[in-house]
Amino acid sequence: MSDSLRVDLALLEEAGGQLGVLGREFQRAGDIADDARAAVGHPRLASRIGEFAEGWKVRREDFLEDMTYLAEMTREAARTYRQVDDELAAALEESGS
């Protein structure tokens, strides 16, 4: 078993960015359901699509909140790992190791 921790900081930063992109796409997803309801033309079907869209809106907002939090935490983790790595490298250089 290894006593070291290896983190791919570029990948971690990229994951945070991708979560942000996914969150923005999720925000736009609500407009699609509204457009579909308007385009259907059949009142009962439009009503059912509207019901689905309202239920999905609540869940989408929950998902969006979670994705936003995860994106922020992922980016912050990458920044913190990078800062700690830089500080440890500087300490090693100062000690002559």
PDB file of N, CA and C in Angstrom:
ATOM      1  N   MET A   1       0.842  -1.189   0.000  1.00  0.00           N
ATOM      2  CA  MET A   1       0.000   0.000   0.000  1.00  0.00           C
ATOM      3  C   MET A   1       0.884   1.249   0.000  1.00  0.00           C
ATOM      4  N   SER A   2       0.507   2.217  -0.781  1.00  0.00           N
ATOM      5  CA  SER A   2       1.288   3.437  -0.931  1.00  0.00           C
ATOM      6  C   SER A   2       0.841   4.485   0.084  1.00  0.00           C
ATOM      7  N   ASP A   3       1.803   5.268   0.565  1.00  0.00           N
ATOM      8  CA  ASP A   3       1.495   6.345   1.503  1.00  0.00           C
ATOM      9  C   ASP A   3       1.406   7.695   0.799  1.00  0.00           C
ATOM     10  N   SER A   4       1.276   7.702  -0.496  1.00  0.00           N
ATOM     11  CA  SER A   4       1.221   8.969  -1.226  1.00  0.00           C
ATOM     12  C   SER A   4      -0.163   9.172  -1.836  1.00  0.00           C
ATOM     13  N   LEU A   5      -0.442  10.404  -2.100  1.00  0.00           N
ATOM     14  CA  LEU A   5      -1.700  10.788  -2.730  1.00  0.00           C
ATOM     15  C   LEU A   5      -1.358  11.442  -4.056  1.00  0.00           C
ATOM     16  N   ARG A   6      -1.959  10.959  -5.112  1.00  0.00           N
ATOM     17  CA  ARG A   6      -1.740  11.540  -6.434  1.00  0.00           C
ATOM     18  C   ARG A   6      -3.069  12.039  -6.971  1.00  0.00           C
ATOM     19  N   VAL A   7      -3.067  13.292  -7.371  1.00  0.00           N
ATOM     20  CA  VAL A   7      -4.274  13.919  -7.902  1.00  0.00           C
ATOM     21  C   VAL A   7      -3.924  14.554  -9.240  1.00  0.00           C
ATOM     22  N   ASP A   8      -4.689  14.223 -10.253  1.00  0.00           N
ATOM     23  CA  ASP A   8      -4.513  14.848 -11.560  1.00  0.00           C
ATOM     24  C   ASP A   8      -5.246  16.193 -11.508  1.00  0.00           C
ATOM     25  N   LEU A   9      -4.499  17.255 -11.229  1.00  0.00           N
ATOM     26  CA  LEU A   9      -5.110  18.570 -11.027  1.00  0.00           C
ATOM     27  C   LEU A   9      -5.784  19.098 -12.288  1.00  0.00           C
ATOM     28  N   ALA A  10      -5.186  18.848 -13.426  1.00  0.00           N
ATOM     29  CA  ALA A  10      -5.797  19.312 -14.676  1.00  0.00           C
ATOM     30  C   ALA A  10      -7.145  18.625 -14.885  1.00  0.00           C
ATOM     31  N   LEU A  11      -7.188  17.335 -14.605  1.00  0.00           N
ATOM     32  CA  LEU A  11      -8.437  16.586 -14.760  1.00  0.00           C
ATOM     33  C   LEU A  11      -9.481  17.057 -13.745  1.00  0.00           C
ATOM     34  N   LEU A  12      -9.050  17.327 -12.533  1.00  0.00           N
ATOM     35  CA  LEU A  12      -9.961  17.815 -11.499  1.00  0.00           C
ATOM     36  C   LEU A  12     -10.526  19.182 -11.890  1.00  0.00           C
ATOM     37  N   GLU A  13      -9.674  20.062 -12.391  1.00  0.00           N
ATOM     38  CA  GLU A  13     -10.138  21.377 -12.845  1.00  0.00           C
ATOM     39  C   GLU A  13     -11.088  21.243 -14.029  1.00  0.00           C
ATOM     40  N   GLU A  14     -10.757  20.347 -14.939  1.00  0.00           N
ATOM     41  CA  GLU A  14     -11.615  20.119 -16.103  1.00  0.00           C
ATOM     42  C   GLU A  14     -12.984  19.591 -15.672  1.00  0.00           C
ATOM     43  N   ALA A  15     -12.989  18.694 -14.700  1.00  0.00           N
ATOM     44  CA  ALA A  15     -14.260  18.152 -14.197  1.00  0.00           C
ATOM     45  C   ALA A  15     -15.122  19.270 -13.617  1.00  0.00           C
ATOM     46  N   GLY A  16     -14.515  20.175 -12.866  1.00  0.00           N
ATOM     47  CA  GLY A  16     -15.257  21.312 -12.320  1.00  0.00           C
ATOM     48  C   GLY A  16     -15.845  22.179 -13.421  1.00  0.00           C
ATOM     49  N   GLY A  17     -15.058  22.421 -14.449  1.00  0.00           N
ATOM     50  CA  GLY A  17     -15.545  23.217 -15.579  1.00  0.00           C
ATOM     51  C   GLY A  17     -16.675  22.525 -16.318  1.00  0.00           C
ATOM     52  N   GLN A  18     -16.537  21.219 -16.523  1.00  0.00           N
ATOM     53  CA  GLN A  18     -17.581  20.461 -17.220  1.00  0.00           C
ATOM     54  C   GLN A  18     -18.876  20.422 -16.419  1.00  0.00           C
ATOM     55  N   LEU A  19     -18.761  20.330 -15.100  1.00  0.00           N
ATOM     56  CA  LEU A  19     -19.961  20.376 -14.270  1.00  0.00           C
ATOM     57  C   LEU A  19     -20.652  21.730 -14.409  1.00  0.00           C
ATOM     58  N   GLY A  20     -19.872  22.785 -14.526  1.00  0.00           N
ATOM     59  CA  GLY A  20     -20.454  24.112 -14.751  1.00  0.00           C
ATOM     60  C   GLY A  20     -21.189  24.184 -16.081  1.00  0.00           C
ATOM     61  N   VAL A  21     -20.598  23.625 -17.120  1.00  0.00           N
ATOM     62  CA  VAL A  21     -21.237  23.600 -18.445  1.00  0.00           C
ATOM     63  C   VAL A  21     -22.526  22.789 -18.380  1.00  0.00           C
ATOM     64  N   LEU A  22     -22.467  21.645 -17.744  1.00  0.00           N
ATOM     65  CA  LEU A  22     -23.643  20.795 -17.605  1.00  0.00           C
ATOM     66  C   LEU A  22     -24.751  21.532 -16.850  1.00  0.00           C
ATOM     67  N   GLY A  23     -24.385  22.276 -15.826  1.00  0.00           N
ATOM     68  CA  GLY A  23     -25.368  23.054 -15.088  1.00  0.00           C
ATOM     69  C   GLY A  23     -26.059  24.094 -15.958  1.00  0.00           C
ATOM     70  N   ARG A  24     -25.287  24.763 -16.796  1.00  0.00           N
ATOM     71  CA  ARG A  24     -25.885  25.761 -17.700  1.00  0.00           C
ATOM     72  C   ARG A  24     -26.831  25.097 -18.695  1.00  0.00           C
ATOM     73  N   GLU A  25     -26.458  23.925 -19.185  1.00  0.00           N
ATOM     74  CA  GLU A  25     -27.341  23.192 -20.098  1.00  0.00           C
ATOM     75  C   GLU A  25     -28.622  22.770 -19.383  1.00  0.00           C
ATOM     76  N   PHE A  26     -28.494  22.381 -18.152  1.00  0.00           N
ATOM     77  CA  PHE A  26     -29.652  21.990 -17.357  1.00  0.00           C
ATOM     78  C   PHE A  26     -30.608  23.169 -17.192  1.00  0.00           C
ATOM     79  N   GLN A  27     -30.065  24.350 -17.007  1.00  0.00           N
ATOM     80  CA  GLN A  27     -30.909  25.543 -16.878  1.00  0.00           C
ATOM     81  C   GLN A  27     -31.742  25.754 -18.125  1.00  0.00           C
ATOM     82  N   ARG A  28     -31.145  25.527 -19.283  1.00  0.00           N
ATOM     83  CA  ARG A  28     -31.851  25.745 -20.551  1.00  0.00           C
ATOM     84  C   ARG A  28     -32.865  24.650 -20.864  1.00  0.00           C
ATOM     85  N   ALA A  29     -32.776  23.520 -20.189  1.00  0.00           N
ATOM     86  CA  ALA A  29     -33.651  22.386 -20.489  1.00  0.00           C
ATOM     87  C   ALA A  29     -35.118  22.715 -20.252  1.00  0.00           C
ATOM     88  N   GLY A  30     -35.418  23.626 -19.355  1.00  0.00           N
ATOM     89  CA  GLY A  30     -36.812  23.981 -19.081  1.00  0.00           C
ATOM     90  C   GLY A  30     -37.495  24.613 -20.268  1.00  0.00           C
ATOM     91  N   ASP A  31     -36.778  25.373 -21.038  1.00  0.00           N
ATOM     92  CA  ASP A  31     -37.360  26.041 -22.195  1.00  0.00           C
ATOM     93  C   ASP A  31     -37.867  25.039 -23.229  1.00  0.00           C
ATOM     94  N   ILE A  32     -37.220  23.900 -23.330  1.00  0.00           N
ATOM     95  CA  ILE A  32     -37.610  22.881 -24.312  1.00  0.00           C
ATOM     96  C   ILE A  32     -39.004  22.362 -24.015  1.00  0.00           C
ATOM     97  N   ALA A  33     -39.291  22.047 -22.738  1.00  0.00           N
ATOM     98  CA  ALA A  33     -40.609  21.549 -22.367  1.00  0.00           C
ATOM     99  C   ALA A  33     -41.686  22.602 -22.633  1.00  0.00           C
ATOM    100  N   ASP A  34     -41.387  23.855 -22.338  1.00  0.00           N
ATOM    101  CA  ASP A  34     -42.353  24.927 -22.599  1.00  0.00           C
ATOM    102  C   ASP A  34     -42.623  25.059 -24.095  1.00  0.00           C
ATOM    103  N   ASP A  35     -41.584  24.959 -24.898  1.00  0.00           N
ATOM    104  CA  ASP A  35     -41.739  25.041 -26.353  1.00  0.00           C
ATOM    105  C   ASP A  35     -42.580  23.875 -26.867  1.00  0.00           C
ATOM    106  N   ALA A  36     -42.345  22.674 -26.325  1.00  0.00           N
ATOM    107  CA  ALA A  36     -43.091  21.492 -26.755  1.00  0.00           C
ATOM    108  C   ALA A  36     -44.571  21.647 -26.423  1.00  0.00           C
ATOM    109  N   ARG A  37     -44.868  22.153 -25.241  1.00  0.00           N
ATOM    110  CA  ARG A  37     -46.267  22.335 -24.830  1.00  0.00           C
ATOM    111  C   ARG A  37     -46.976  23.275 -25.801  1.00  0.00           C
ATOM    112  N   ALA A  38     -46.308  24.331 -26.167  1.00  0.00           N
ATOM    113  CA  ALA A  38     -46.922  25.304 -27.076  1.00  0.00           C
ATOM    114  C   ALA A  38     -47.093  24.740 -28.488  1.00  0.00           C
ATOM    115  N   ALA A  39     -46.214  23.833 -28.896  1.00  0.00           N
ATOM    116  CA  ALA A  39     -46.235  23.323 -30.264  1.00  0.00           C
ATOM    117  C   ALA A  39     -47.190  22.147 -30.464  1.00  0.00           C
ATOM    118  N   VAL A  40     -47.639  21.520 -29.387  1.00  0.00           N
ATOM    119  CA  VAL A  40     -48.443  20.299 -29.499  1.00  0.00           C
ATOM    120  C   VAL A  40     -49.771  20.541 -30.195  1.00  0.00           C
ATOM    121  N   GLY A  41     -50.502  21.543 -29.768  1.00  0.00           N
ATOM    122  CA  GLY A  41     -51.771  21.831 -30.426  1.00  0.00           C
ATOM    123  C   GLY A  41     -52.962  21.108 -29.831  1.00  0.00           C
ATOM    124  N   HIS A  42     -52.767  20.007 -29.170  1.00  0.00           N
ATOM    125  CA  HIS A  42     -53.859  19.263 -28.540  1.00  0.00           C
ATOM    126  C   HIS A  42     -53.916  19.664 -27.065  1.00  0.00           C
ATOM    127  N   PRO A  43     -55.037  20.224 -26.612  1.00  0.00           N
ATOM    128  CA  PRO A  43     -55.104  20.771 -25.248  1.00  0.00           C
ATOM    129  C   PRO A  43     -54.785  19.764 -24.144  1.00  0.00           C
ATOM    130  N   ARG A  44     -55.288  18.541 -24.248  1.00  0.00           N
ATOM    131  CA  ARG A  44     -55.045  17.562 -23.184  1.00  0.00           C
ATOM    132  C   ARG A  44     -53.581  17.145 -23.144  1.00  0.00           C
ATOM    133  N   LEU A  45     -53.010  16.921 -24.309  1.00  0.00           N
ATOM    134  CA  LEU A  45     -51.595  16.556 -24.369  1.00  0.00           C
ATOM    135  C   LEU A  45     -50.730  17.713 -23.879  1.00  0.00           C
ATOM    136  N   ALA A  46     -51.088  18.925 -24.260  1.00  0.00           N
ATOM    137  CA  ALA A  46     -50.357  20.108 -23.803  1.00  0.00           C
ATOM    138  C   ALA A  46     -50.422  20.219 -22.284  1.00  0.00           C
ATOM    139  N   SER A  47     -51.579  19.894 -21.719  1.00  0.00           N
ATOM    140  CA  SER A  47     -51.735  19.933 -20.261  1.00  0.00           C
ATOM    141  C   SER A  47     -50.828  18.910 -19.592  1.00  0.00           C
ATOM    142  N   ARG A  48     -50.765  17.707 -20.138  1.00  0.00           N
ATOM    143  CA  ARG A  48     -49.904  16.648 -19.574  1.00  0.00           C
ATOM    144  C   ARG A  48     -48.431  17.031 -19.684  1.00  0.00           C
ATOM    145  N   ILE A  49     -48.060  17.601 -20.806  1.00  0.00           N
ATOM    146  CA  ILE A  49     -46.676  18.056 -20.967  1.00  0.00           C
ATOM    147  C   ILE A  49     -46.383  19.148 -19.944  1.00  0.00           C
ATOM    148  N   GLY A  50     -47.356  20.030 -19.723  1.00  0.00           N
ATOM    149  CA  GLY A  50     -47.193  21.090 -18.730  1.00  0.00           C
ATOM    150  C   GLY A  50     -47.011  20.522 -17.325  1.00  0.00           C
ATOM    151  N   GLU A  51     -47.776  19.494 -16.974  1.00  0.00           N
ATOM    152  CA  GLU A  51     -47.633  18.853 -15.664  1.00  0.00           C
ATOM    153  C   GLU A  51     -46.245  18.238 -15.511  1.00  0.00           C
ATOM    154  N   PHE A  52     -45.825  17.550 -16.561  1.00  0.00           N
ATOM    155  CA  PHE A  52     -44.487  16.951 -16.533  1.00  0.00           C
ATOM    156  C   PHE A  52     -43.423  18.035 -16.380  1.00  0.00           C
ATOM    157  N   ALA A  53     -43.569  19.110 -17.140  1.00  0.00           N
ATOM    158  CA  ALA A  53     -42.580  20.188 -17.115  1.00  0.00           C
ATOM    159  C   ALA A  53     -42.482  20.807 -15.729  1.00  0.00           C
ATOM    160  N   GLU A  54     -43.613  20.974 -15.050  1.00  0.00           N
ATOM    161  CA  GLU A  54     -43.590  21.556 -13.705  1.00  0.00           C
ATOM    162  C   GLU A  54     -42.885  20.630 -12.719  1.00  0.00           C
ATOM    163  N   GLY A  55     -43.190  19.322 -12.786  1.00  0.00           N
ATOM    164  CA  GLY A  55     -42.512  18.361 -11.910  1.00  0.00           C
ATOM    165  C   GLY A  55     -41.026  18.297 -12.196  1.00  0.00           C
ATOM    166  N   TRP A  56     -40.688  18.326 -13.454  1.00  0.00           N
ATOM    167  CA  TRP A  56     -39.288  18.270 -13.859  1.00  0.00           C
ATOM    168  C   TRP A  56     -38.554  19.536 -13.430  1.00  0.00           C
ATOM    169  N   LYS A  57     -39.261  20.663 -13.443  1.00  0.00           N
ATOM    170  CA  LYS A  57     -38.643  21.938 -13.054  1.00  0.00           C
ATOM    171  C   LYS A  57     -38.119  21.864 -11.620  1.00  0.00           C
ATOM    172  N   VAL A  58     -38.925  21.308 -10.725  1.00  0.00           N
ATOM    173  CA  VAL A  58     -38.514  21.190  -9.321  1.00  0.00           C
ATOM    174  C   VAL A  58     -37.288  20.286  -9.214  1.00  0.00           C
ATOM    175  N   ARG A  59     -37.316  19.151  -9.873  1.00  0.00           N
ATOM    176  CA  ARG A  59     -36.180  18.228  -9.813  1.00  0.00           C
ATOM    177  C   ARG A  59     -34.950  18.818 -10.481  1.00  0.00           C
ATOM    178  N   ARG A  60     -35.177  19.511 -11.592  1.00  0.00           N
ATOM    179  CA  ARG A  60     -34.065  20.134 -12.301  1.00  0.00           C
ATOM    180  C   ARG A  60     -33.390  21.186 -11.428  1.00  0.00           C
ATOM    181  N   GLU A  61     -34.171  21.955 -10.696  1.00  0.00           N
ATOM    182  CA  GLU A  61     -33.607  22.959  -9.795  1.00  0.00           C
ATOM    183  C   GLU A  61     -32.772  22.300  -8.699  1.00  0.00           C
ATOM    184  N   ASP A  62     -33.257  21.165  -8.180  1.00  0.00           N
ATOM    185  CA  ASP A  62     -32.480  20.426  -7.175  1.00  0.00           C
ATOM    186  C   ASP A  62     -31.167  19.917  -7.768  1.00  0.00           C
ATOM    187  N   PHE A  63     -31.254  19.322  -8.961  1.00  0.00           N
ATOM    188  CA  PHE A  63     -30.043  18.824  -9.633  1.00  0.00           C
ATOM    189  C   PHE A  63     -29.076  19.967  -9.905  1.00  0.00           C
ATOM    190  N   LEU A  64     -29.619  21.078 -10.359  1.00  0.00           N
ATOM    191  CA  LEU A  64     -28.785  22.230 -10.690  1.00  0.00           C
ATOM    192  C   LEU A  64     -28.061  22.750  -9.454  1.00  0.00           C
ATOM    193  N   GLU A  65     -28.766  22.812  -8.344  1.00  0.00           N
ATOM    194  CA  GLU A  65     -28.141  23.246  -7.098  1.00  0.00           C
ATOM    195  C   GLU A  65     -27.004  22.296  -6.711  1.00  0.00           C
ATOM    196  N   ASP A  66     -27.253  20.993  -6.825  1.00  0.00           N
ATOM    197  CA  ASP A  66     -26.215  20.009  -6.498  1.00  0.00           C
ATOM    198  C   ASP A  66     -25.027  20.101  -7.454  1.00  0.00           C
ATOM    199  N   MET A  67     -25.300  20.260  -8.751  1.00  0.00           N
ATOM    200  CA  MET A  67     -24.214  20.366  -9.729  1.00  0.00           C
ATOM    201  C   MET A  67     -23.383  21.618  -9.511  1.00  0.00           C
ATOM    202  N   THR A  68     -24.051  22.711  -9.196  1.00  0.00           N
ATOM    203  CA  THR A  68     -23.337  23.965  -8.948  1.00  0.00           C
ATOM    204  C   THR A  68     -22.419  23.816  -7.743  1.00  0.00           C
ATOM    205  N   TYR A  69     -22.942  23.223  -6.683  1.00  0.00           N
ATOM    206  CA  TYR A  69     -22.139  22.998  -5.480  1.00  0.00           C
ATOM    207  C   TYR A  69     -20.952  22.083  -5.795  1.00  0.00           C
ATOM    208  N   LEU A  70     -21.217  20.996  -6.502  1.00  0.00           N
ATOM    209  CA  LEU A  70     -20.147  20.057  -6.833  1.00  0.00           C
ATOM    210  C   LEU A  70     -19.095  20.699  -7.736  1.00  0.00           C
ATOM    211  N   ALA A  71     -19.518  21.518  -8.681  1.00  0.00           N
ATOM    212  CA  ALA A  71     -18.569  22.212  -9.558  1.00  0.00           C
ATOM    213  C   ALA A  71     -17.683  23.145  -8.738  1.00  0.00           C
ATOM    214  N   GLU A  72     -18.292  23.890  -7.815  1.00  0.00           N
ATOM    215  CA  GLU A  72     -17.513  24.801  -6.973  1.00  0.00           C
ATOM    216  C   GLU A  72     -16.526  24.029  -6.094  1.00  0.00           C
ATOM    217  N   MET A  73     -16.985  22.948  -5.488  1.00  0.00           N
ATOM    218  CA  MET A  73     -16.120  22.162  -4.599  1.00  0.00           C
ATOM    219  C   MET A  73     -14.988  21.481  -5.373  1.00  0.00           C
ATOM    220  N   THR A  74     -15.270  21.053  -6.591  1.00  0.00           N
ATOM    221  CA  THR A  74     -14.242  20.421  -7.417  1.00  0.00           C
ATOM    222  C   THR A  74     -13.166  21.425  -7.794  1.00  0.00           C
ATOM    223  N   ARG A  75     -13.580  22.611  -8.212  1.00  0.00           N
ATOM    224  CA  ARG A  75     -12.604  23.654  -8.558  1.00  0.00           C
ATOM    225  C   ARG A  75     -11.815  24.092  -7.326  1.00  0.00           C
ATOM    226  N   GLU A  76     -12.499  24.214  -6.192  1.00  0.00           N
ATOM    227  CA  GLU A  76     -11.817  24.607  -4.952  1.00  0.00           C
ATOM    228  C   GLU A  76     -10.826  23.528  -4.515  1.00  0.00           C
ATOM    229  N   ALA A  77     -11.190  22.271  -4.664  1.00  0.00           N
ATOM    230  CA  ALA A  77     -10.271  21.188  -4.320  1.00  0.00           C
ATOM    231  C   ALA A  77      -9.010  21.262  -5.179  1.00  0.00           C
ATOM    232  N   ALA A  78      -9.180  21.513  -6.472  1.00  0.00           N
ATOM    233  CA  ALA A  78      -8.023  21.621  -7.358  1.00  0.00           C
ATOM    234  C   ALA A  78      -7.133  22.785  -6.935  1.00  0.00           C
ATOM    235  N   ARG A  79      -7.745  23.932  -6.619  1.00  0.00           N
ATOM    236  CA  ARG A  79      -6.958  25.094  -6.171  1.00  0.00           C
ATOM    237  C   ARG A  79      -6.211  24.775  -4.871  1.00  0.00           C
ATOM    238  N   THR A  80      -6.876  24.113  -3.952  1.00  0.00           N
ATOM    239  CA  THR A  80      -6.260  23.799  -2.661  1.00  0.00           C
ATOM    240  C   THR A  80      -5.126  22.797  -2.828  1.00  0.00           C
ATOM    241  N   TYR A  81      -5.351  21.744  -3.616  1.00  0.00           N
ATOM    242  CA  TYR A  81      -4.275  20.777  -3.867  1.00  0.00           C
ATOM    243  C   TYR A  81      -3.064  21.470  -4.498  1.00  0.00           C
ATOM    244  N   ARG A  82      -3.338  22.346  -5.468  1.00  0.00           N
ATOM    245  CA  ARG A  82      -2.242  23.046  -6.146  1.00  0.00           C
ATOM    246  C   ARG A  82      -1.483  23.937  -5.154  1.00  0.00           C
ATOM    247  N   GLN A  83      -2.206  24.641  -4.303  1.00  0.00           N
ATOM    248  CA  GLN A  83      -1.581  25.514  -3.318  1.00  0.00           C
ATOM    249  C   GLN A  83      -0.721  24.704  -2.339  1.00  0.00           C
ATOM    250  N   VAL A  84      -1.267  23.610  -1.844  1.00  0.00           N
ATOM    251  CA  VAL A  84      -0.511  22.769  -0.910  1.00  0.00           C
ATOM    252  C   VAL A  84       0.724  22.200  -1.592  1.00  0.00           C
ATOM    253  N   ASP A  85       0.574  21.748  -2.823  1.00  0.00           N
ATOM    254  CA  ASP A  85       1.709  21.196  -3.562  1.00  0.00           C
ATOM    255  C   ASP A  85       2.804  22.248  -3.745  1.00  0.00           C
ATOM    256  N   ASP A  86       2.390  23.468  -4.106  1.00  0.00           N
ATOM    257  CA  ASP A  86       3.358  24.560  -4.278  1.00  0.00           C
ATOM    258  C   ASP A  86       4.066  24.887  -2.962  1.00  0.00           C
ATOM    259  N   GLU A  87       3.303  24.917  -1.864  1.00  0.00           N
ATOM    260  CA  GLU A  87       3.894  25.214  -0.569  1.00  0.00           C
ATOM    261  C   GLU A  87       4.860  24.123  -0.126  1.00  0.00           C
ATOM    262  N   LEU A  88       4.500  22.874  -0.361  1.00  0.00           N
ATOM    263  CA  LEU A  88       5.409  21.774   0.009  1.00  0.00           C
ATOM    264  C   LEU A  88       6.668  21.804  -0.851  1.00  0.00           C
ATOM    265  N   ALA A  89       6.516  22.097  -2.134  1.00  0.00           N
ATOM    266  CA  ALA A  89       7.689  22.188  -3.010  1.00  0.00           C
ATOM    267  C   ALA A  89       8.616  23.312  -2.556  1.00  0.00           C
ATOM    268  N   ALA A  90       8.037  24.448  -2.186  1.00  0.00           N
ATOM    269  CA  ALA A  90       8.849  25.580  -1.726  1.00  0.00           C
ATOM    270  C   ALA A  90       9.575  25.220  -0.417  1.00  0.00           C
ATOM    271  N   ALA A  91       8.881  24.532   0.457  1.00  0.00           N
ATOM    272  CA  ALA A  91       9.502  24.128   1.736  1.00  0.00           C
ATOM    273  C   ALA A  91      10.661  23.152   1.493  1.00  0.00           C
ATOM    274  N   LEU A  92      10.499  22.241   0.535  1.00  0.00           N
ATOM    275  CA  LEU A  92      11.571  21.313   0.217  1.00  0.00           C
ATOM    276  C   LEU A  92      12.779  22.048  -0.381  1.00  0.00           C
ATOM    277  N   GLU A  93      12.510  23.024  -1.247  1.00  0.00           N
ATOM    278  CA  GLU A  93      13.586  23.803  -1.840  1.00  0.00           C
ATOM    279  C   GLU A  93      14.342  24.594  -0.775  1.00  0.00           C
ATOM    280  N   GLU A  94      13.619  25.150   0.165  1.00  0.00           N
ATOM    281  CA  GLU A  94      14.248  25.919   1.246  1.00  0.00           C
ATOM    282  C   GLU A  94      15.116  25.041   2.140  1.00  0.00           C
ATOM    283  N   SER A  95      14.668  23.803   2.338  1.00  0.00           N
ATOM    284  CA  SER A  95      15.416  22.910   3.223  1.00  0.00           C
ATOM    285  C   SER A  95      16.593  22.254   2.498  1.00  0.00           C
ATOM    286  N   GLY A  96      16.659  22.440   1.172  1.00  0.00           N
ATOM    287  CA  GLY A  96      17.755  21.882   0.400  1.00  0.00           C
ATOM    288  C   GLY A  96      17.562  20.430   0.015  1.00  0.00           C
ATOM    289  N   SER A  97      16.361  19.928   0.157  1.00  0.00           N
ATOM    290  CA  SER A  97      16.090  18.516  -0.186  1.00  0.00           C
ATOM    291  C   SER A  97      15.860  18.312  -1.635  1.00  0.00           C
TER     292      SER A  97
END
